[in-house]
């Protein structure tokens, strides 16, 4: 079994960043969590959550607060145990409503593996042809590149179910979403604030339902498929804090810091001879300049042995590239020094 790819039996291995069999990386560039986190107010609320009691099974206060935050009716909020759980439940709902043989799923050219994993689990065909798919997944800023989707407006105007994964919207470092408020009202919006708040270990998410009347049938199917208490008290605490002005102010301040750190990190990568792809989020992709005879997998393992982890983009369909989240200058310097030392060692002490 591949490292950091847990699987059971014949199940498809899952490849993610973050902790692996070696533990938590000292300098973790492999996940897209806010490197300025955790958010102090959110962390305090999670620590103070009363785990001796169940949350309200109807999540009435939480739904009302999230609805107010997005200026929609509470009926337009669907809670989920995590973004991944919602992806699988939404796929199951589409399969149930349209039938496995009739439904298909549109996937981005490069994107989160759970979109395809969920489709495969429910026997749905996948394609890159958005107009004919009953379920369309789109993420902006996209992962792993952190770019924009030029076809987003067209998807928003179409009739079938389009889910806009906004996991990285709070960590957009430049520009803004191209969709108008009216266009956003036509798509499902999936929010996972744990990345933005630097608390990825707390699993909680929610979706804002489109304003169209026909979306309610899908809401009912999602609720029918939902287990009791999908979000625990710690997830409730996180989502409640997410809506508070002081937390949003903290987030806005970290975005300024991350933008400065990103400029520095890109300059460092370019100085190492790496090719860097453009993007607008708190992460980016790069093609490392490898020493002769050294594979990318070997190079990443050598870095991992020094406590530094980068995300190999092969599973995203971008072999030879890595994704790096923006990290602090201290972590950046550790990466720079470890890479230079490795290159020097592999070249037998010779420098170009």
Protein backbone atom coordinates (compact mmCIF):
# COMPACT_ATOMS: atom_id res chain seq x y z
CA UNK A 1 0.00 0.00 0.00
CA UNK A 2 1.27 3.45 -0.84
CA UNK A 3 2.41 5.77 1.90
CA UNK A 4 -0.33 8.12 3.08
CA UNK A 5 -2.87 6.24 0.97
CA UNK A 6 -5.06 4.24 3.36
CA UNK A 7 -7.34 1.70 1.74
CA UNK A 8 -9.13 -1.50 2.61
CA UNK A 9 -9.42 -4.61 0.50
CA UNK A 10 -9.82 -3.59 -3.12
CA UNK A 11 -10.93 -0.05 -2.31
CA UNK A 12 -9.24 2.72 -4.27
CA UNK A 13 -6.48 4.25 -2.13
CA UNK A 14 -7.11 7.83 -0.96
CA UNK A 15 -4.25 10.25 -1.39
CA UNK A 16 -4.22 13.33 0.81
CA UNK A 17 -1.78 15.76 2.34
CA UNK A 18 -1.18 16.15 6.06
CA UNK A 19 -0.16 13.53 8.63
CA UNK A 20 1.05 10.17 7.40
CA UNK A 21 2.80 7.11 8.81
CA UNK A 22 5.63 9.40 9.94
CA UNK A 23 3.29 11.59 11.98
CA UNK A 24 2.55 15.30 11.64
CA UNK A 25 5.09 17.09 9.41
CA UNK A 26 7.15 19.78 11.09
CA UNK A 27 6.69 22.02 8.04
CA UNK A 28 3.53 20.96 6.22
CA UNK A 29 3.16 22.45 2.74
CA UNK A 30 0.90 19.55 1.70
CA UNK A 31 -2.44 20.82 3.03
CA UNK A 32 -4.14 24.13 2.27
CA UNK A 33 -4.98 25.12 5.82
CA UNK A 34 -4.48 28.77 6.81
CA UNK A 35 -0.85 28.93 7.97
CA UNK A 36 -1.72 31.90 10.22
CA UNK A 37 -4.15 29.74 12.18
CA UNK A 38 -5.67 28.51 14.25
CA UNK A 39 -8.13 31.35 14.69
CA UNK A 40 -7.99 32.14 18.44
CA UNK A 41 -11.73 32.76 18.89
CA UNK A 42 -12.68 29.61 16.98
CA UNK A 43 -10.14 27.52 18.88
CA UNK A 44 -11.44 28.79 22.23
CA UNK A 45 -15.03 28.02 21.23
CA UNK A 46 -14.12 24.49 20.16
CA UNK A 47 -12.27 23.88 23.43
CA UNK A 48 -15.21 25.17 25.45
CA UNK A 49 -17.87 23.16 23.61
CA UNK A 50 -19.89 20.93 25.95
CA UNK A 51 -19.28 17.41 24.67
CA UNK A 52 -21.50 15.88 27.37
CA UNK A 53 -24.66 16.66 25.43
CA UNK A 54 -25.97 16.08 21.92
CA UNK A 55 -26.28 19.08 19.65
CA UNK A 56 -29.82 20.13 18.71
CA UNK A 57 -30.80 17.51 16.10
CA UNK A 58 -32.49 20.21 14.05
CA UNK A 59 -29.55 22.63 14.39
CA UNK A 60 -32.07 25.49 14.52
CA UNK A 61 -29.80 28.17 15.97
CA UNK A 62 -26.88 27.18 13.74
CA UNK A 63 -29.04 27.14 10.61
CA UNK A 64 -30.48 30.53 11.50
CA UNK A 65 -27.04 32.04 12.06
CA UNK A 66 -25.60 30.62 8.83
CA UNK A 67 -28.69 31.77 6.93
CA UNK A 68 -28.32 35.29 8.31
CA UNK A 69 -24.63 35.28 7.39
CA UNK A 70 -25.50 34.47 3.77
CA UNK A 71 -28.72 36.52 3.71
CA UNK A 72 -30.91 33.54 2.81
CA UNK A 73 -33.79 31.69 4.48
CA UNK A 74 -32.85 28.94 7.00
CA UNK A 75 -34.48 26.41 4.65
CA UNK A 76 -31.64 27.08 2.22
CA UNK A 77 -28.96 25.73 4.59
CA UNK A 78 -28.00 22.04 4.46
CA UNK A 79 -25.52 20.85 7.06
CA UNK A 80 -22.90 18.16 6.46
CA UNK A 81 -20.39 16.26 8.53
CA UNK A 82 -17.66 17.53 6.18
CA UNK A 83 -17.17 18.64 2.61
CA UNK A 84 -16.32 15.04 1.68
CA UNK A 85 -19.47 13.72 3.35
CA UNK A 86 -21.58 16.21 1.40
CA UNK A 87 -19.90 15.20 -1.86
CA UNK A 88 -20.81 11.56 -1.29
CA UNK A 89 -24.33 12.32 -0.07
CA UNK A 90 -25.06 14.67 -2.98
CA UNK A 91 -23.82 12.05 -5.43
CA UNK A 92 -26.02 9.43 -3.78
CA UNK A 93 -29.01 11.76 -3.98
CA UNK A 94 -28.49 12.40 -7.71
CA UNK A 95 -28.07 8.67 -8.33
CA UNK A 96 -31.29 7.98 -6.47
CA UNK A 97 -33.32 10.68 -8.18
CA UNK A 98 -32.11 10.12 -11.76
CA UNK A 99 -31.02 6.48 -11.70
CA UNK A 100 -27.48 5.17 -12.08
CA UNK A 101 -27.86 4.38 -15.75
CA UNK A 102 -29.26 7.82 -16.59
CA UNK A 103 -27.11 10.13 -14.46
CA UNK A 104 -23.58 11.32 -15.14
CA UNK A 105 -21.17 13.57 -13.26
CA UNK A 106 -19.06 16.40 -14.64
CA UNK A 107 -15.58 16.62 -13.13
CA UNK A 108 -13.05 19.45 -13.43
CA UNK A 109 -9.92 18.62 -15.42
CA UNK A 110 -8.00 18.66 -12.14
CA UNK A 111 -9.78 18.51 -8.81
CA UNK A 112 -10.46 16.91 -5.46
CA UNK A 113 -10.40 13.13 -5.80
CA UNK A 114 -13.60 12.61 -3.79
CA UNK A 115 -15.70 13.94 -6.70
CA UNK A 116 -14.66 10.99 -8.84
CA UNK A 117 -14.53 8.59 -5.90
CA UNK A 118 -18.14 9.32 -5.00
CA UNK A 119 -19.29 8.91 -8.60
CA UNK A 120 -17.51 5.56 -8.86
CA UNK A 121 -18.99 4.40 -5.55
CA UNK A 122 -22.51 5.01 -6.89
CA UNK A 123 -21.86 3.68 -10.37
CA UNK A 124 -22.24 7.02 -12.15
CA UNK A 125 -20.42 7.79 -15.36
CA UNK A 126 -18.07 10.77 -15.35
CA UNK A 127 -17.19 13.10 -18.16
CA UNK A 128 -15.72 16.48 -18.98
CA UNK A 129 -18.88 17.44 -20.86
CA UNK A 130 -20.76 19.70 -18.45
CA UNK A 131 -23.95 20.38 -20.48
CA UNK A 132 -25.12 16.76 -20.41
CA UNK A 133 -24.26 15.93 -16.75
CA UNK A 134 -26.94 15.79 -14.08
CA UNK A 135 -24.36 16.75 -11.44
CA UNK A 136 -21.50 19.19 -12.03
CA UNK A 137 -18.63 19.83 -9.62
CA UNK A 138 -16.65 23.04 -9.90
CA UNK A 139 -14.19 24.54 -7.43
CA UNK A 140 -12.92 28.12 -7.50
CA UNK A 141 -10.23 28.90 -6.62
CA UNK A 142 -9.50 25.46 -8.01
CA UNK A 143 -7.35 22.76 -6.49
CA UNK A 144 -4.54 22.01 -7.00
CA UNK A 145 -3.65 25.01 -9.17
CA UNK A 146 -5.59 27.71 -7.36
CA UNK A 147 -6.89 29.17 -10.61
CA UNK A 148 -10.15 30.47 -12.03
CA UNK A 149 -12.84 28.60 -13.97
CA UNK A 150 -13.73 30.47 -17.16
CA UNK A 151 -16.82 28.30 -17.67
CA UNK A 152 -18.36 28.98 -14.27
CA UNK A 153 -20.91 31.52 -15.50
CA UNK A 154 -22.15 29.07 -18.12
CA UNK A 155 -22.57 26.33 -15.54
CA UNK A 156 -24.48 28.70 -13.27
CA UNK A 157 -26.92 29.49 -16.06
CA UNK A 158 -27.61 25.84 -16.93
CA UNK A 159 -30.51 23.79 -15.67
CA UNK A 160 -28.90 20.81 -13.95
CA UNK A 161 -27.39 20.65 -10.46
CA UNK A 162 -24.11 22.57 -10.23
CA UNK A 163 -22.17 22.50 -6.95
CA UNK A 164 -19.63 25.28 -6.47
CA UNK A 165 -17.06 24.06 -3.95
CA UNK A 166 -15.96 27.22 -2.12
CA UNK A 167 -13.44 25.56 0.18
CA UNK A 168 -10.73 28.03 -0.84
CA UNK A 169 -12.82 31.15 -1.42
CA UNK A 170 -12.05 32.54 2.07
CA UNK A 171 -8.33 32.14 1.29
CA UNK A 172 -8.46 33.88 -2.10
CA UNK A 173 -5.50 36.26 -2.04
CA UNK A 174 -6.37 38.31 -5.10
CA UNK A 175 -9.31 39.04 -7.38
CA UNK A 176 -12.87 38.05 -6.67
CA UNK A 177 -15.51 35.56 -7.72
CA UNK A 178 -16.73 36.28 -11.25
CA UNK A 179 -20.34 35.34 -10.51
CA UNK A 180 -22.92 37.93 -9.60
CA UNK A 181 -25.19 37.43 -6.59
CA UNK A 182 -27.99 36.41 -8.96
CA UNK A 183 -25.76 33.81 -10.63
CA UNK A 184 -24.61 32.47 -7.26
CA UNK A 185 -28.27 32.01 -6.37
CA UNK A 186 -28.55 29.40 -9.12
CA UNK A 187 -25.83 27.06 -7.86
CA UNK A 188 -25.26 25.01 -4.73
CA UNK A 189 -22.48 26.56 -2.63
CA UNK A 190 -20.43 24.17 -0.50
CA UNK A 191 -18.56 25.82 2.39
CA UNK A 192 -15.90 24.18 4.58
CA UNK A 193 -14.55 26.90 6.90
CA UNK A 194 -12.09 24.68 8.79
CA UNK A 195 -9.31 25.41 6.27
CA UNK A 196 -9.75 29.16 6.51
CA UNK A 197 -9.77 29.03 10.32
CA UNK A 198 -6.73 26.74 10.53
CA UNK A 199 -8.66 23.93 12.23
CA UNK A 200 -8.86 21.17 9.64
CA UNK A 201 -9.22 18.52 12.34
CA UNK A 202 -12.73 19.80 13.04
CA UNK A 203 -14.99 18.25 10.42
CA UNK A 204 -18.03 20.42 9.67
CA UNK A 205 -19.51 21.90 6.49
CA UNK A 206 -22.68 23.27 5.00
CA UNK A 207 -24.25 24.08 1.65
CA UNK A 208 -26.30 27.08 0.59
CA UNK A 209 -29.16 25.81 -1.54
CA UNK A 210 -30.10 27.54 -4.83
CA UNK A 211 -33.13 29.80 -4.73
CA UNK A 212 -35.01 27.79 -7.38
CA UNK A 213 -38.15 25.97 -6.17
CA UNK A 214 -37.10 22.69 -7.81
CA UNK A 215 -34.01 22.56 -5.56
CA UNK A 216 -36.21 21.65 -2.60
CA UNK A 217 -36.82 18.14 -3.95
CA UNK A 218 -33.08 17.56 -3.83
CA UNK A 219 -32.92 19.07 -0.33
CA UNK A 220 -35.52 16.55 0.82
CA UNK A 221 -33.50 13.70 -0.70
CA UNK A 222 -30.34 14.95 1.00
CA UNK A 223 -32.16 15.09 4.33
CA UNK A 224 -33.55 11.60 3.79
CA UNK A 225 -30.03 10.28 3.28
CA UNK A 226 -28.58 12.20 6.21
CA UNK A 227 -27.68 10.40 9.44
CA UNK A 228 -28.75 11.87 12.76
CA UNK A 229 -26.50 14.58 14.18
CA UNK A 230 -24.14 14.90 11.18
CA UNK A 231 -22.26 17.72 12.94
CA UNK A 232 -20.98 17.24 16.49
CA UNK A 233 -20.81 19.97 19.12
CA UNK A 234 -17.24 20.91 18.15
CA UNK A 235 -18.27 21.34 14.53
CA UNK A 236 -21.25 23.43 15.64
CA UNK A 237 -18.92 25.66 17.66
CA UNK A 238 -16.64 26.11 14.64
CA UNK A 239 -19.49 27.03 12.28
CA UNK A 240 -21.04 29.41 14.80
CA UNK A 241 -17.73 31.23 15.17
CA UNK A 242 -17.29 31.34 11.40
CA UNK A 243 -20.17 33.81 11.12
CA UNK A 244 -18.95 36.24 13.79
CA UNK A 245 -17.56 39.64 12.69
CA UNK A 246 -14.41 39.37 14.79
CA UNK A 247 -13.55 36.01 13.20
CA UNK A 248 -14.12 37.39 9.71
CA UNK A 249 -11.89 40.35 10.61
CA UNK A 250 -9.17 37.96 11.80
CA UNK A 251 -9.48 36.09 8.51
CA UNK A 252 -9.20 39.29 6.47
CA UNK A 253 -6.02 40.22 8.30
CA UNK A 254 -4.48 36.79 7.70
CA UNK A 255 -5.20 37.07 3.98
CA UNK A 256 -2.97 40.17 3.87
CA UNK A 257 -0.21 38.28 5.67
CA UNK A 258 -0.57 35.22 3.45
CA UNK A 259 -0.35 37.36 0.31
CA UNK A 260 3.03 38.73 1.46
CA UNK A 261 4.23 35.26 2.42
CA UNK A 262 3.13 33.91 -0.97
CA UNK A 263 5.19 36.48 -2.87
CA UNK A 264 8.23 35.52 -0.81
CA UNK A 265 7.61 31.79 -1.28
CA UNK A 266 7.24 32.10 -5.05
CA UNK A 267 10.48 34.07 -5.24
CA UNK A 268 12.19 31.32 -3.24
CA UNK A 269 10.89 28.61 -5.59
CA UNK A 270 11.98 30.54 -8.66
CA UNK A 271 15.42 31.00 -7.11
CA UNK A 272 15.62 27.21 -6.82
CA UNK A 273 14.93 26.94 -10.56
CA UNK A 274 11.34 25.74 -10.16
CA UNK A 275 8.61 26.52 -12.68
CA UNK A 276 5.67 28.14 -10.83
CA UNK A 277 2.08 28.16 -12.14
CA UNK A 278 -0.09 31.24 -11.54
CA UNK A 279 -2.97 31.15 -9.07
CA UNK A 280 -5.02 33.31 -6.73
CA UNK A 281 -5.25 31.20 -3.58
CA UNK A 282 -3.06 30.45 -0.56
CA UNK A 283 -1.38 27.63 -2.50
CA UNK A 284 0.18 27.10 -5.91
CA UNK A 285 1.70 24.43 -8.10
CA UNK A 286 5.32 24.22 -9.14
CA UNK A 287 7.57 21.91 -11.14
CA UNK A 288 10.76 21.34 -9.14
CA UNK A 289 14.13 21.32 -10.90
CA UNK A 290 15.31 17.83 -10.00
CA UNK A 291 18.95 16.80 -9.81
CA UNK A 292 19.95 14.28 -12.53
CA UNK A 293 18.93 10.74 -11.65
CA UNK A 294 16.56 11.71 -8.83
CA UNK A 295 12.81 11.14 -9.21
CA UNK A 296 10.27 13.48 -7.73
CA UNK A 297 9.00 10.73 -5.42
CA UNK A 298 12.53 10.20 -4.08
CA UNK A 299 13.06 13.93 -3.63
CA UNK A 300 9.80 14.30 -1.71
CA UNK A 301 10.71 11.37 0.53
CA UNK A 302 14.09 12.94 1.31
CA UNK A 303 12.31 16.15 2.26
CA UNK A 304 9.81 14.21 4.35
CA UNK A 305 12.65 12.64 6.29
CA UNK A 306 13.66 16.18 7.26
CA UNK A 307 10.16 17.04 8.45
CA UNK A 308 9.04 18.83 5.27
CA UNK A 309 6.06 17.62 3.25
CA UNK A 310 4.88 18.76 -0.19
CA UNK A 311 1.88 17.41 -2.11
CA UNK A 312 2.69 15.35 -5.19
CA UNK A 313 0.25 16.38 -7.93
CA UNK A 314 0.35 13.10 -9.86
CA UNK A 315 -3.00 12.08 -8.35
CA UNK A 316 -4.46 15.33 -9.69
CA UNK A 317 -3.29 14.45 -13.20
CA UNK A 318 -0.24 16.73 -13.05
CA UNK A 319 2.79 14.42 -12.83
CA UNK A 320 6.11 16.05 -12.09
CA UNK A 321 4.48 18.89 -10.18
CA UNK A 322 3.91 19.62 -6.51
CA UNK A 323 1.34 21.73 -4.70
CA UNK A 324 2.61 23.96 -1.94
CA UNK A 325 0.44 25.80 0.55
CA UNK A 326 1.76 29.19 1.59
CA UNK A 327 3.71 28.82 4.82
CA UNK A 328 5.61 31.09 7.17
CA UNK A 329 9.04 32.46 6.23
CA UNK A 330 10.59 30.06 8.77
CA UNK A 331 9.04 27.07 6.99
CA UNK A 332 10.00 28.51 3.60
CA UNK A 333 13.63 28.83 4.66
CA UNK A 334 13.60 25.25 5.94
CA UNK A 335 12.36 24.07 2.52
CA UNK A 336 14.92 26.18 0.67
CA UNK A 337 17.83 24.95 2.77
CA UNK A 338 16.75 21.30 2.69
CA UNK A 339 16.32 21.37 -1.09
CA UNK A 340 19.68 23.03 -1.68
CA UNK A 341 21.38 20.54 0.62
CA UNK A 342 19.74 17.63 -1.19
CA UNK A 343 20.75 18.96 -4.60
CA UNK A 344 24.32 19.45 -3.40
CA UNK A 345 24.45 15.91 -2.03
CA UNK A 346 22.95 14.34 -5.15
CA UNK A 347 25.36 16.21 -7.42
CA UNK A 348 28.33 14.96 -5.43
CA UNK A 349 29.07 18.36 -3.96
CA UNK A 350 29.32 20.04 -7.35
CA UNK A 351 27.46 23.29 -7.97
CA UNK A 352 26.50 24.70 -11.36
